Amino acid sequence: MDLTQDFSDSSFVITGYQAGRVLINNEPYSESLIVSPEKLITAWEVTGIRQLDKDRISAILGLQPEIVLLGSDEPGRFPDGEIIAWFAQQKIGLECMNLTAACRTYGILVSEGRRVAAALILPG
């Protein structure tokens, strides 16, 4: 799926999603990553939701998002309750969805000027 909306104020835009990979600024990535309008973190060693812990999600805090989109193609999987509670304590919204929805939602929130980060878990 190609996404074509222009977000000229953003340095990092999700421009497409294809099975097993995400296009950011038209550059393909096939391993898990974290993206915000200002920063791209590609050295995110997560291959499944159950691997999420405070150490693996600490990079998100530096992005100062108001909402985090957790995208994964693991149906019915959610992070442990401790991780969900940690986001709530930080007053950061957490939305869990499939990769396609996370990519689309990221684009919408970026176009609205929201402080969003997408944590995308790819099979690698």
Protein backbone atom coordinates (compact mmCIF):
# COMPACT_ATOMS: atom_id res chain seq x y z
CA MET A 1 0.00 0.00 0.00
CA ASP A 2 1.43 3.36 -1.01
CA LEU A 3 0.66 6.43 1.05
CA THR A 4 0.94 9.66 -0.92
CA GLN A 5 -0.02 12.58 1.30
CA ASP A 6 2.70 15.25 1.62
CA PHE A 7 3.96 16.17 5.10
CA SER A 8 6.59 18.77 4.27
CA ASP A 9 7.03 19.80 7.94
CA SER A 10 8.06 16.27 8.89
CA SER A 11 11.52 14.83 8.42
CA PHE A 12 10.28 11.23 8.61
CA VAL A 13 7.12 10.17 6.81
CA ILE A 14 5.77 6.68 6.29
CA THR A 15 5.31 6.60 2.54
CA GLY A 16 4.14 3.01 2.20
CA TYR A 17 3.68 -0.42 3.67
CA GLN A 18 4.21 -3.73 1.92
CA ALA A 19 4.18 -7.22 3.38
CA GLY A 20 7.07 -7.38 5.83
CA ARG A 21 8.44 -3.91 5.22
CA VAL A 22 7.71 -0.25 5.75
CA LEU A 23 8.78 2.60 3.50
CA ILE A 24 9.97 5.71 5.29
CA ASN A 25 10.76 8.60 2.98
CA ASN A 26 10.53 5.94 0.22
CA GLU A 27 13.39 3.95 1.83
CA PRO A 28 12.46 0.31 2.65
CA TYR A 29 12.94 -1.08 6.16
CA SER A 30 12.27 -4.72 7.02
CA GLU A 31 13.29 -4.71 10.69
CA SER A 32 11.50 -3.19 13.67
CA LEU A 33 11.83 0.55 14.16
CA ILE A 34 10.50 3.61 15.93
CA VAL A 35 9.59 6.66 13.89
CA SER A 36 8.41 10.15 14.79
CA PRO A 37 8.17 13.23 12.58
CA GLU A 38 11.63 14.33 13.82
CA LYS A 39 13.53 11.07 14.38
CA LEU A 40 13.97 7.55 13.05
CA ILE A 41 15.36 4.82 15.33
CA THR A 42 16.26 1.74 13.31
CA ALA A 43 18.35 -0.20 15.83
CA TRP A 44 15.26 -1.42 17.72
CA GLU A 45 15.77 -5.10 18.39
CA VAL A 46 12.20 -6.27 18.90
CA THR A 47 10.60 -9.07 16.89
CA GLY A 48 7.49 -9.63 19.01
CA ILE A 49 5.20 -7.78 21.38
CA ARG A 50 6.09 -10.06 24.31
CA GLN A 51 9.69 -8.82 24.10
CA LEU A 52 8.67 -5.31 25.10
CA ASP A 53 10.06 -4.17 28.42
CA LYS A 54 11.03 -0.80 29.89
CA ASP A 55 14.54 -0.99 28.41
CA ARG A 56 13.26 -1.63 24.89
CA ILE A 57 10.70 1.15 24.99
CA SER A 58 12.83 3.75 26.79
CA ALA A 59 13.93 5.22 23.45
CA ILE A 60 10.34 6.35 22.93
CA LEU A 61 10.47 8.68 25.96
CA GLY A 62 13.17 10.82 24.36
CA LEU A 63 10.80 11.53 21.48
CA GLN A 64 8.31 13.13 23.90
CA PRO A 65 5.21 11.80 22.16
CA GLU A 66 1.68 12.37 23.36
CA ILE A 67 0.65 9.10 21.72
CA VAL A 68 2.48 5.93 20.66
CA LEU A 69 1.15 3.66 17.95
CA LEU A 70 2.32 0.10 18.48
CA GLY A 71 2.04 -1.67 15.15
CA SER A 72 2.38 -5.43 14.83
CA ASP A 73 0.89 -8.21 12.79
CA GLU A 74 0.51 -10.45 15.85
CA PRO A 75 -3.29 -10.71 16.08
CA GLY A 76 -4.74 -10.45 19.55
CA ARG A 77 -1.39 -9.69 21.19
CA PHE A 78 -0.88 -6.80 23.56
CA PRO A 79 2.06 -5.75 25.70
CA ASP A 80 2.19 -6.94 29.29
CA GLY A 81 0.05 -4.96 31.72
CA GLU A 82 3.20 -3.51 33.28
CA ILE A 83 4.11 -1.86 29.96
CA ILE A 84 0.59 -0.52 29.44
CA ALA A 85 0.61 0.89 32.98
CA TRP A 86 4.05 2.43 32.41
CA PHE A 87 2.75 4.41 29.42
CA ALA A 88 -0.24 5.56 31.48
CA GLN A 89 2.06 6.70 34.30
CA GLN A 90 4.08 8.70 31.77
CA LYS A 91 0.80 10.23 30.49
CA ILE A 92 1.49 8.86 27.02
CA GLY A 93 -1.37 7.31 25.07
CA LEU A 94 -0.71 3.82 23.72
CA GLU A 95 -2.68 2.37 20.82
CA CYS A 96 -2.07 -1.20 19.65
CA MET A 97 -3.03 -2.09 16.08
CA ASN A 98 -1.87 -3.98 13.02
CA LEU A 99 1.00 -2.58 10.94
CA THR A 100 -1.16 -1.25 8.12
CA ALA A 101 -3.43 0.65 10.52
CA ALA A 102 -0.44 2.01 12.46
CA CYS A 103 1.14 3.34 9.25
CA ARG A 104 -2.10 5.03 8.15
CA THR A 105 -2.84 6.43 11.61
CA TYR A 106 0.70 7.79 11.91
CA GLY A 107 0.19 9.74 8.68
CA ILE A 108 -3.11 11.18 9.87
CA LEU A 109 -1.73 12.25 13.26
CA VAL A 110 1.39 13.76 11.69
CA SER A 111 -0.77 15.77 9.28
CA GLU A 112 -2.68 17.10 12.31
CA GLY A 113 0.59 18.24 13.91
CA ARG A 114 0.32 15.74 16.78
CA ARG A 115 3.35 14.54 18.75
CA VAL A 116 3.20 10.91 17.67
CA ALA A 117 5.64 8.03 17.54
CA ALA A 118 5.05 4.74 15.76
CA ALA A 119 6.78 1.67 17.19
CA LEU A 120 6.55 -0.82 14.35
CA ILE A 121 7.37 -4.48 14.98
CA LEU A 122 8.47 -6.14 11.76
CA PRO A 123 9.38 -9.80 11.39
CA GLY A 124 12.94 -8.93 10.31
